[in-house]
N, C-alpha and C. Protein backbone atom coordinates (compact mmCIF):
# COMPACT_ATOMS: atom_id res chain seq x y z
N UNK A 1 0.85 -1.17 0.00
CA UNK A 1 0.00 0.00 0.00
C UNK A 1 0.90 1.23 0.00
N UNK A 2 1.13 1.80 -1.16
CA UNK A 2 1.97 2.98 -1.30
C UNK A 2 1.13 4.22 -1.04
N UNK A 3 1.65 5.13 -0.21
CA UNK A 3 0.88 6.30 0.18
C UNK A 3 1.64 7.58 -0.10
N UNK A 4 2.00 7.81 -1.35
CA UNK A 4 2.72 9.02 -1.73
C UNK A 4 1.81 10.23 -1.77
N UNK A 5 2.40 11.41 -1.89
CA UNK A 5 1.64 12.66 -1.88
C UNK A 5 0.93 12.93 -3.19
N UNK A 6 1.55 12.66 -4.32
CA UNK A 6 0.93 13.02 -5.59
C UNK A 6 0.17 11.82 -6.14
N UNK A 7 -1.14 11.90 -6.02
CA UNK A 7 -1.99 10.79 -6.44
C UNK A 7 -3.03 11.33 -7.41
N UNK A 8 -3.10 10.72 -8.58
CA UNK A 8 -4.13 11.08 -9.54
C UNK A 8 -5.44 10.49 -9.04
N UNK A 9 -6.50 11.29 -9.03
CA UNK A 9 -7.78 10.81 -8.53
C UNK A 9 -7.69 10.48 -7.05
N UNK A 10 -7.16 11.41 -6.27
CA UNK A 10 -6.86 11.17 -4.85
C UNK A 10 -8.03 10.57 -4.07
N UNK A 11 -9.26 11.09 -4.15
CA UNK A 11 -10.34 10.45 -3.37
C UNK A 11 -10.50 8.97 -3.71
N UNK A 12 -10.34 8.60 -4.99
CA UNK A 12 -10.42 7.18 -5.36
C UNK A 12 -9.33 6.38 -4.68
N UNK A 13 -8.10 6.91 -4.66
CA UNK A 13 -6.99 6.20 -4.03
C UNK A 13 -7.20 6.10 -2.53
N UNK A 14 -7.66 7.17 -1.90
CA UNK A 14 -7.91 7.15 -0.46
C UNK A 14 -8.98 6.12 -0.12
N UNK A 15 -10.02 6.05 -0.93
CA UNK A 15 -11.08 5.06 -0.72
C UNK A 15 -10.51 3.65 -0.83
N UNK A 16 -9.62 3.42 -1.78
CA UNK A 16 -9.00 2.10 -1.94
C UNK A 16 -8.15 1.75 -0.72
N UNK A 17 -7.44 2.72 -0.15
CA UNK A 17 -6.65 2.46 1.06
C UNK A 17 -7.56 1.99 2.19
N UNK A 18 -8.71 2.66 2.35
CA UNK A 18 -9.64 2.27 3.42
C UNK A 18 -10.21 0.88 3.14
N UNK A 19 -10.59 0.63 1.88
CA UNK A 19 -11.16 -0.68 1.53
C UNK A 19 -10.16 -1.81 1.77
N UNK A 20 -8.87 -1.53 1.67
CA UNK A 20 -7.84 -2.56 1.84
C UNK A 20 -7.60 -2.93 3.31
N UNK A 21 -8.16 -2.16 4.24
CA UNK A 21 -7.98 -2.46 5.66
C UNK A 21 -8.80 -3.68 6.05
N UNK A 22 -8.40 -4.37 7.12
CA UNK A 22 -9.23 -5.49 7.59
C UNK A 22 -10.53 -4.97 8.22
N UNK A 23 -11.58 -5.75 8.10
CA UNK A 23 -12.87 -5.40 8.70
C UNK A 23 -12.82 -5.64 10.20
N UNK A 24 -13.66 -4.93 10.93
CA UNK A 24 -13.73 -5.05 12.39
C UNK A 24 -13.93 -6.51 12.80
N UNK A 25 -14.82 -7.22 12.10
CA UNK A 25 -15.12 -8.60 12.48
C UNK A 25 -13.92 -9.53 12.31
N UNK A 26 -12.90 -9.11 11.57
CA UNK A 26 -11.70 -9.93 11.36
C UNK A 26 -10.59 -9.60 12.36
N UNK A 27 -10.84 -8.66 13.27
CA UNK A 27 -9.85 -8.25 14.26
C UNK A 27 -10.14 -8.92 15.60
N UNK A 28 -9.14 -8.98 16.46
CA UNK A 28 -9.26 -9.68 17.73
C UNK A 28 -9.30 -8.68 18.88
N UNK A 29 -10.35 -8.78 19.69
CA UNK A 29 -10.50 -7.90 20.85
C UNK A 29 -9.26 -8.00 21.74
N UNK A 30 -8.77 -6.85 22.21
CA UNK A 30 -7.62 -6.79 23.10
C UNK A 30 -6.29 -6.73 22.37
N UNK A 31 -6.29 -7.03 21.08
CA UNK A 31 -5.05 -6.99 20.30
C UNK A 31 -4.86 -5.62 19.67
N UNK A 32 -3.62 -5.30 19.41
CA UNK A 32 -3.30 -4.04 18.73
C UNK A 32 -3.91 -4.07 17.32
N UNK A 33 -4.39 -2.91 16.89
CA UNK A 33 -4.87 -2.82 15.51
C UNK A 33 -3.68 -2.95 14.58
N UNK A 34 -3.86 -3.55 13.41
CA UNK A 34 -2.75 -3.66 12.47
C UNK A 34 -2.16 -2.28 12.14
N UNK A 35 -0.86 -2.22 11.93
CA UNK A 35 -0.16 -0.96 11.62
C UNK A 35 -0.78 -0.24 10.42
N UNK A 36 -1.43 -1.00 9.54
CA UNK A 36 -2.03 -0.38 8.35
C UNK A 36 -3.07 0.68 8.72
N UNK A 37 -3.77 0.50 9.83
CA UNK A 37 -4.75 1.50 10.25
C UNK A 37 -4.07 2.84 10.54
N UNK A 38 -2.99 2.80 11.32
CA UNK A 38 -2.27 4.04 11.63
C UNK A 38 -1.64 4.63 10.38
N UNK A 39 -1.15 3.78 9.49
CA UNK A 39 -0.54 4.26 8.25
C UNK A 39 -1.57 4.99 7.39
N UNK A 40 -2.75 4.40 7.25
CA UNK A 40 -3.81 5.05 6.46
C UNK A 40 -4.27 6.33 7.15
N UNK A 41 -4.50 6.29 8.45
CA UNK A 41 -4.94 7.49 9.18
C UNK A 41 -3.90 8.60 9.04
N UNK A 42 -2.64 8.27 9.17
CA UNK A 42 -1.57 9.27 9.04
C UNK A 42 -1.57 9.89 7.65
N UNK A 43 -1.72 9.06 6.64
CA UNK A 43 -1.75 9.56 5.26
C UNK A 43 -2.99 10.43 5.02
N UNK A 44 -4.12 10.06 5.59
CA UNK A 44 -5.35 10.83 5.40
C UNK A 44 -5.25 12.21 6.03
N UNK A 45 -4.50 12.33 7.11
CA UNK A 45 -4.43 13.60 7.83
C UNK A 45 -3.92 14.74 6.95
N UNK A 46 -3.13 14.45 5.96
CA UNK A 46 -2.59 15.50 5.09
C UNK A 46 -3.44 15.73 3.85
N UNK A 47 -4.58 15.07 3.78
CA UNK A 47 -5.39 15.13 2.55
C UNK A 47 -6.61 16.04 2.61
N UNK A 48 -6.92 16.64 3.75
CA UNK A 48 -8.00 17.62 3.85
C UNK A 48 -9.33 17.11 3.34
N UNK A 49 -9.95 17.91 2.50
CA UNK A 49 -11.29 17.57 2.00
C UNK A 49 -11.30 16.38 1.06
N UNK A 50 -10.13 15.94 0.61
CA UNK A 50 -10.09 14.72 -0.20
C UNK A 50 -10.60 13.53 0.62
N UNK A 51 -10.44 13.60 1.94
CA UNK A 51 -10.92 12.52 2.81
C UNK A 51 -12.44 12.45 2.73
N UNK A 52 -13.11 13.59 2.81
CA UNK A 52 -14.57 13.61 2.68
C UNK A 52 -14.99 13.05 1.33
N UNK A 53 -14.26 13.40 0.28
CA UNK A 53 -14.56 12.86 -1.05
C UNK A 53 -14.41 11.35 -1.11
N UNK A 54 -13.38 10.84 -0.46
CA UNK A 54 -13.16 9.38 -0.42
C UNK A 54 -14.29 8.69 0.33
N UNK A 55 -14.69 9.27 1.46
CA UNK A 55 -15.78 8.69 2.24
C UNK A 55 -17.09 8.72 1.46
N UNK A 56 -17.33 9.80 0.73
CA UNK A 56 -18.53 9.87 -0.12
C UNK A 56 -18.50 8.78 -1.18
N UNK A 57 -17.33 8.57 -1.79
CA UNK A 57 -17.21 7.49 -2.78
C UNK A 57 -17.56 6.14 -2.16
N UNK A 58 -17.05 5.90 -0.96
CA UNK A 58 -17.37 4.64 -0.29
C UNK A 58 -18.86 4.52 0.00
N UNK A 59 -19.45 5.60 0.51
CA UNK A 59 -20.88 5.57 0.84
C UNK A 59 -21.75 5.35 -0.39
N UNK A 60 -21.27 5.76 -1.54
CA UNK A 60 -22.03 5.59 -2.78
C UNK A 60 -21.66 4.33 -3.55
N UNK A 61 -20.75 3.52 -2.99
CA UNK A 61 -20.33 2.30 -3.67
C UNK A 61 -21.35 1.20 -3.45
N UNK A 62 -21.44 0.25 -4.37
CA UNK A 62 -22.39 -0.86 -4.21
C UNK A 62 -22.14 -1.66 -2.92
N UNK A 63 -20.87 -1.80 -2.51
CA UNK A 63 -20.56 -2.58 -1.31
C UNK A 63 -21.16 -1.98 -0.05
N UNK A 64 -21.33 -0.65 -0.03
CA UNK A 64 -21.82 0.03 1.18
C UNK A 64 -23.22 -0.44 1.54
N UNK A 65 -24.00 -0.85 0.55
CA UNK A 65 -25.41 -1.21 0.80
C UNK A 65 -25.69 -2.71 0.63
N UNK A 66 -24.67 -3.54 0.45
CA UNK A 66 -24.91 -4.97 0.27
C UNK A 66 -25.08 -5.67 1.61
N UNK A 67 -25.30 -6.98 1.55
CA UNK A 67 -25.50 -7.76 2.77
C UNK A 67 -24.28 -7.73 3.68
N UNK A 68 -23.11 -7.50 3.13
CA UNK A 68 -21.90 -7.47 3.95
C UNK A 68 -21.43 -6.03 4.18
N UNK A 69 -22.37 -5.09 4.15
CA UNK A 69 -22.01 -3.68 4.24
C UNK A 69 -21.26 -3.33 5.51
N UNK A 70 -21.52 -4.03 6.62
CA UNK A 70 -20.82 -3.72 7.87
C UNK A 70 -19.31 -3.86 7.72
N UNK A 71 -18.87 -4.78 6.86
CA UNK A 71 -17.43 -4.98 6.70
C UNK A 71 -16.77 -3.70 6.20
N UNK A 72 -17.27 -3.12 5.14
CA UNK A 72 -16.68 -1.89 4.60
C UNK A 72 -16.93 -0.72 5.54
N UNK A 73 -18.13 -0.60 6.07
CA UNK A 73 -18.44 0.50 6.96
C UNK A 73 -17.56 0.48 8.20
N UNK A 74 -17.28 -0.72 8.71
CA UNK A 74 -16.47 -0.81 9.92
C UNK A 74 -15.04 -0.36 9.68
N UNK A 75 -14.53 -0.51 8.48
CA UNK A 75 -13.18 -0.06 8.16
C UNK A 75 -13.09 1.46 8.27
N UNK A 76 -14.07 2.15 7.69
CA UNK A 76 -14.10 3.61 7.77
C UNK A 76 -14.32 4.06 9.21
N UNK A 77 -15.21 3.37 9.93
CA UNK A 77 -15.51 3.69 11.32
C UNK A 77 -14.25 3.62 12.18
N UNK A 78 -13.48 2.55 12.03
CA UNK A 78 -12.27 2.38 12.83
C UNK A 78 -11.19 3.40 12.44
N UNK A 79 -11.01 3.63 11.16
CA UNK A 79 -9.94 4.55 10.75
C UNK A 79 -10.22 5.97 11.23
N UNK A 80 -11.49 6.37 11.32
CA UNK A 80 -11.81 7.71 11.83
C UNK A 80 -11.45 7.82 13.31
N UNK A 81 -11.48 6.70 14.04
CA UNK A 81 -11.12 6.72 15.45
C UNK A 81 -9.61 6.79 15.66
N UNK A 82 -8.84 6.54 14.61
CA UNK A 82 -7.40 6.78 14.66
C UNK A 82 -7.07 8.16 14.12
N UNK A 83 -7.83 8.59 13.13
CA UNK A 83 -7.59 9.88 12.48
C UNK A 83 -7.74 11.05 13.46
N UNK A 84 -8.76 10.98 14.31
CA UNK A 84 -9.06 12.08 15.23
C UNK A 84 -8.69 11.71 16.66
N UNK A 85 -8.27 12.71 17.42
CA UNK A 85 -7.92 12.56 18.83
C UNK A 85 -9.20 12.71 19.64
N UNK A 86 -9.92 11.61 19.78
CA UNK A 86 -11.21 11.62 20.45
C UNK A 86 -11.02 11.34 21.94
N UNK A 87 -11.75 12.05 22.79
CA UNK A 87 -11.56 11.88 24.23
C UNK A 87 -12.11 10.54 24.74
N UNK A 88 -11.46 10.02 25.77
CA UNK A 88 -11.94 8.78 26.37
C UNK A 88 -13.14 9.04 27.28
N UNK A 89 -13.35 10.31 27.65
CA UNK A 89 -14.54 10.70 28.42
C UNK A 89 -15.13 11.94 27.76
N UNK A 90 -16.31 11.75 27.17
CA UNK A 90 -16.99 12.84 26.47
C UNK A 90 -18.46 12.81 26.89
N UNK A 91 -19.05 13.97 27.19
CA UNK A 91 -20.46 13.96 27.61
C UNK A 91 -21.38 13.44 26.50
N UNK A 92 -22.20 12.47 26.83
CA UNK A 92 -23.11 11.90 25.85
C UNK A 92 -24.11 12.97 25.37
N UNK A 93 -24.36 13.97 26.20
CA UNK A 93 -25.28 15.05 25.81
C UNK A 93 -24.72 15.88 24.65
N UNK A 94 -23.42 15.78 24.40
CA UNK A 94 -22.77 16.51 23.31
C UNK A 94 -22.23 15.52 22.28
N UNK A 95 -22.92 14.42 22.07
CA UNK A 95 -22.45 13.39 21.15
C UNK A 95 -23.51 13.10 20.11
N UNK A 96 -23.09 12.79 18.92
CA UNK A 96 -24.01 12.40 17.86
C UNK A 96 -23.58 11.03 17.34
N UNK A 97 -24.52 10.13 17.20
CA UNK A 97 -24.24 8.79 16.69
C UNK A 97 -24.53 8.76 15.20
N UNK A 98 -23.60 8.14 14.44
CA UNK A 98 -23.73 8.07 12.99
C UNK A 98 -23.92 6.64 12.50
N UNK A 99 -23.99 5.69 13.45
CA UNK A 99 -24.20 4.28 13.12
C UNK A 99 -24.66 3.57 14.38
N UNK A 100 -25.55 2.61 14.22
CA UNK A 100 -26.04 1.85 15.36
C UNK A 100 -25.35 0.51 15.50
N UNK A 101 -24.16 0.51 16.10
CA UNK A 101 -23.47 -0.75 16.37
C UNK A 101 -24.18 -1.43 17.53
N UNK A 102 -24.41 -2.73 17.46
CA UNK A 102 -25.19 -3.45 18.47
C UNK A 102 -24.60 -3.40 19.87
N UNK A 103 -23.29 -3.36 19.97
CA UNK A 103 -22.66 -3.40 21.29
C UNK A 103 -22.09 -2.04 21.72
N UNK A 104 -22.64 -0.96 21.18
CA UNK A 104 -22.21 0.38 21.58
C UNK A 104 -22.47 0.54 23.08
N UNK A 105 -21.45 0.86 23.86
CA UNK A 105 -21.64 0.93 25.32
C UNK A 105 -22.57 2.07 25.74
N UNK A 106 -23.28 1.83 26.81
CA UNK A 106 -24.11 2.87 27.40
C UNK A 106 -23.21 3.90 28.09
N UNK A 107 -23.69 5.13 28.26
CA UNK A 107 -22.89 6.12 29.02
C UNK A 107 -22.67 5.63 30.45
N UNK A 108 -21.58 6.10 31.06
CA UNK A 108 -21.33 5.73 32.45
C UNK A 108 -22.31 6.49 33.36
N UNK A 109 -22.23 6.28 34.65
CA UNK A 109 -23.17 6.88 35.60
C UNK A 109 -23.12 8.41 35.60
N UNK A 110 -22.01 8.97 35.15
CA UNK A 110 -21.88 10.43 35.09
C UNK A 110 -22.31 11.00 33.73
N UNK A 111 -22.77 10.14 32.82
CA UNK A 111 -23.24 10.61 31.52
C UNK A 111 -22.13 10.79 30.50
N UNK A 112 -21.04 10.03 30.62
CA UNK A 112 -19.92 10.15 29.69
C UNK A 112 -19.77 8.85 28.89
N UNK A 113 -19.24 9.01 27.68
CA UNK A 113 -18.91 7.88 26.82
C UNK A 113 -17.44 7.97 26.44
N UNK A 114 -16.91 6.86 25.97
CA UNK A 114 -15.57 6.84 25.38
C UNK A 114 -15.76 7.10 23.89
N UNK A 115 -15.41 8.31 23.45
CA UNK A 115 -15.66 8.70 22.07
C UNK A 115 -14.83 7.91 21.06
N UNK A 116 -13.73 7.32 21.49
CA UNK A 116 -12.90 6.57 20.56
C UNK A 116 -13.29 5.09 20.48
N UNK A 117 -14.32 4.67 21.25
CA UNK A 117 -14.77 3.29 21.21
C UNK A 117 -15.04 2.85 19.78
N UNK A 118 -14.64 1.68 19.38
CA UNK A 118 -14.10 0.54 20.09
C UNK A 118 -12.57 0.47 20.10
N UNK A 119 -11.93 1.61 19.89
CA UNK A 119 -10.47 1.65 19.93
C UNK A 119 -10.05 2.14 21.31
N UNK A 120 -9.17 1.40 21.94
CA UNK A 120 -8.65 1.74 23.27
C UNK A 120 -7.27 2.36 23.11
N UNK A 121 -7.11 3.55 23.69
CA UNK A 121 -5.83 4.26 23.63
C UNK A 121 -5.20 4.35 25.02
N UNK A 122 -5.42 3.36 25.90
CA UNK A 122 -4.86 3.44 27.25
C UNK A 122 -3.34 3.34 27.25
N UNK A 123 -2.77 2.82 26.19
CA UNK A 123 -1.33 2.94 25.99
C UNK A 123 -1.13 3.54 24.60
N UNK A 124 0.08 3.68 24.15
CA UNK A 124 0.32 4.38 22.89
C UNK A 124 -0.05 3.56 21.66
N UNK A 125 -0.36 2.29 21.86
CA UNK A 125 -0.73 1.42 20.75
C UNK A 125 -2.25 1.27 20.72
N UNK A 126 -2.89 1.61 19.62
CA UNK A 126 -4.35 1.44 19.57
C UNK A 126 -4.73 -0.04 19.57
N UNK A 127 -5.64 -0.39 20.48
CA UNK A 127 -6.10 -1.77 20.61
C UNK A 127 -7.61 -1.83 20.40
N UNK A 128 -8.06 -2.96 19.93
CA UNK A 128 -9.50 -3.16 19.77
C UNK A 128 -10.09 -3.48 21.13
N UNK A 129 -10.99 -2.63 21.61
CA UNK A 129 -11.56 -2.76 22.95
C UNK A 129 -12.83 -3.60 22.98
N UNK A 130 -13.42 -3.84 21.82
CA UNK A 130 -14.69 -4.58 21.78
C UNK A 130 -14.78 -5.37 20.48
N UNK A 131 -15.36 -6.56 20.55
CA UNK A 131 -15.53 -7.34 19.33
C UNK A 131 -16.65 -6.77 18.47
N UNK A 132 -16.63 -7.12 17.22
CA UNK A 132 -17.72 -6.77 16.32
C UNK A 132 -18.91 -7.65 16.66
N UNK A 133 -20.08 -7.04 16.85
CA UNK A 133 -21.29 -7.81 17.14
C UNK A 133 -22.43 -7.49 16.19
N UNK A 134 -22.16 -6.72 15.15
CA UNK A 134 -23.20 -6.38 14.19
C UNK A 134 -23.71 -4.98 14.38
N UNK A 135 -24.71 -4.65 13.58
CA UNK A 135 -25.27 -3.30 13.64
C UNK A 135 -26.76 -3.34 13.38
N UNK A 136 -27.38 -2.21 13.58
CA UNK A 136 -28.81 -2.08 13.30
C UNK A 136 -29.05 -0.66 12.78
N UNK A 137 -30.16 -0.51 12.12
CA UNK A 137 -30.52 0.82 11.64
C UNK A 137 -29.87 1.18 10.32
N UNK A 138 -29.80 2.46 10.09
CA UNK A 138 -29.33 3.00 8.81
C UNK A 138 -27.83 2.71 8.60
N UNK A 139 -27.39 2.79 7.34
CA UNK A 139 -25.97 2.64 7.07
C UNK A 139 -25.16 3.74 7.76
N UNK A 140 -23.92 3.44 8.02
CA UNK A 140 -22.99 4.36 8.65
C UNK A 140 -22.83 5.62 7.80
N UNK A 141 -22.97 6.77 8.42
CA UNK A 141 -22.82 8.06 7.75
C UNK A 141 -21.39 8.56 7.98
N UNK A 142 -20.45 7.95 7.28
CA UNK A 142 -19.03 8.22 7.49
C UNK A 142 -18.65 9.65 7.15
N UNK A 143 -19.15 10.19 6.05
CA UNK A 143 -18.80 11.55 5.66
C UNK A 143 -19.33 12.55 6.68
N UNK A 144 -20.54 12.36 7.13
CA UNK A 144 -21.13 13.25 8.13
C UNK A 144 -20.34 13.17 9.44
N UNK A 145 -19.94 11.96 9.84
CA UNK A 145 -19.17 11.83 11.07
C UNK A 145 -17.80 12.48 10.91
N UNK A 146 -17.16 12.32 9.77
CA UNK A 146 -15.87 12.97 9.51
C UNK A 146 -16.00 14.48 9.66
N UNK A 147 -17.03 15.05 9.05
CA UNK A 147 -17.23 16.52 9.13
C UNK A 147 -17.53 16.94 10.57
N UNK A 148 -18.33 16.17 11.28
CA UNK A 148 -18.67 16.48 12.67
C UNK A 148 -17.42 16.43 13.54
N UNK A 149 -16.61 15.39 13.36
CA UNK A 149 -15.35 15.29 14.11
C UNK A 149 -14.44 16.45 13.77
N UNK A 150 -14.35 16.77 12.49
CA UNK A 150 -13.43 17.83 12.04
C UNK A 150 -13.78 19.19 12.67
N UNK A 151 -15.06 19.42 12.91
CA UNK A 151 -15.51 20.68 13.52
C UNK A 151 -15.23 20.72 15.03
N UNK A 152 -15.01 19.57 15.66
CA UNK A 152 -14.92 19.51 17.12
C UNK A 152 -13.59 19.01 17.69
N UNK A 153 -12.86 18.24 16.91
CA UNK A 153 -11.67 17.59 17.44
C UNK A 153 -10.48 17.83 16.53
N UNK A 154 -9.29 17.66 17.08
CA UNK A 154 -8.05 17.77 16.31
C UNK A 154 -7.66 16.39 15.80
N UNK A 155 -6.79 16.39 14.79
CA UNK A 155 -6.23 15.11 14.37
C UNK A 155 -5.38 14.55 15.48
N UNK A 156 -5.34 13.24 15.57
CA UNK A 156 -4.52 12.55 16.55
C UNK A 156 -3.06 12.61 16.10
N UNK A 157 -2.15 12.92 17.00
CA UNK A 157 -0.73 12.86 16.61
C UNK A 157 -0.35 11.42 16.26
N UNK A 158 0.04 11.22 15.03
CA UNK A 158 0.45 9.90 14.55
C UNK A 158 1.81 10.04 13.87
N UNK A 159 2.60 9.00 13.90
CA UNK A 159 3.87 9.08 13.17
C UNK A 159 3.62 9.17 11.69
N UNK A 160 4.44 9.94 11.01
CA UNK A 160 4.32 10.06 9.55
C UNK A 160 4.74 8.75 8.91
N UNK A 161 3.91 8.26 8.01
CA UNK A 161 4.21 6.98 7.32
C UNK A 161 4.16 7.21 5.83
N UNK A 162 5.22 7.64 5.27
CA UNK A 162 5.23 7.91 3.81
C UNK A 162 6.02 6.87 3.08
């Protein structure tokens, strides 16, 4: 997966990078996410609005709406949790959900959620904190979530992977 700066049809290439990631259901709870996730997130950070274009391409692809749509949607969902520096404690009253994952945790007793769920950042290596258990409701609104995150959070400091 080559991630150079000059890419013809950049949103198409960015979408292909996301599609090449493993699906959530193929990952193991408690294990570090494959390095490819951080590599893709790091590369996306320098691409600005091309990221939104790539996510729109994915959302409009035939795979996004097929019987196995969770596989592709989960790749975008996970990579956004590496792309942005999301707080481990965020008030649920100031949160918007863009996908109904079946095992999305309830807020704690103080009304806070872990915004980076299902990615655990308790050490410097991102780990999968929860297994894939399926989803319900509408398809994941990846572009809308990207824009919402972009308005509220900074990119996560990641090593440059060129």
